[in-house]
Amino acid sequence: MIIYEVNLNVRLDIAAEYEAWLKEHIRQMLGFEGFLGAFWLEDTQPAEGMRCWVVQYRLRDRKSLDEYLEHHAAGMRRDGLERFPGGFTATRRILEGVEDIGG
């Protein structure tokens, strides 16, 4: 299993609008081949004046992620950048499963 994690720091003055947009953005992401689900978390101790969210997408395999990154990521990222210029930052990381411990 692959986890594609996106960490977002969003200014408070746009957070409500960004949150509404992000819900739809996540739905669109889940439409891509190999995306199995997503988990949306909030940092309970954000930087002052910010809302901080983490979205973890579960993917079937690395091939699905590579396909997304090669063919769709630029457009999906551009949408947020154009709607909310200077209003947020995003960092990403890729996690690969080592062992399913269970539970």
Foldseek 3Di string as FASTA:
>chain_A
DKKKKKKKKFFPVCVVVVVVVVVVLLVVVCPQPFFDDKDKDWDPDDDPRITMIMIITDGPDVVSVVCCVVPPPVVSVVVVCVVQPPGMDMDIDMDDDDDDPDD
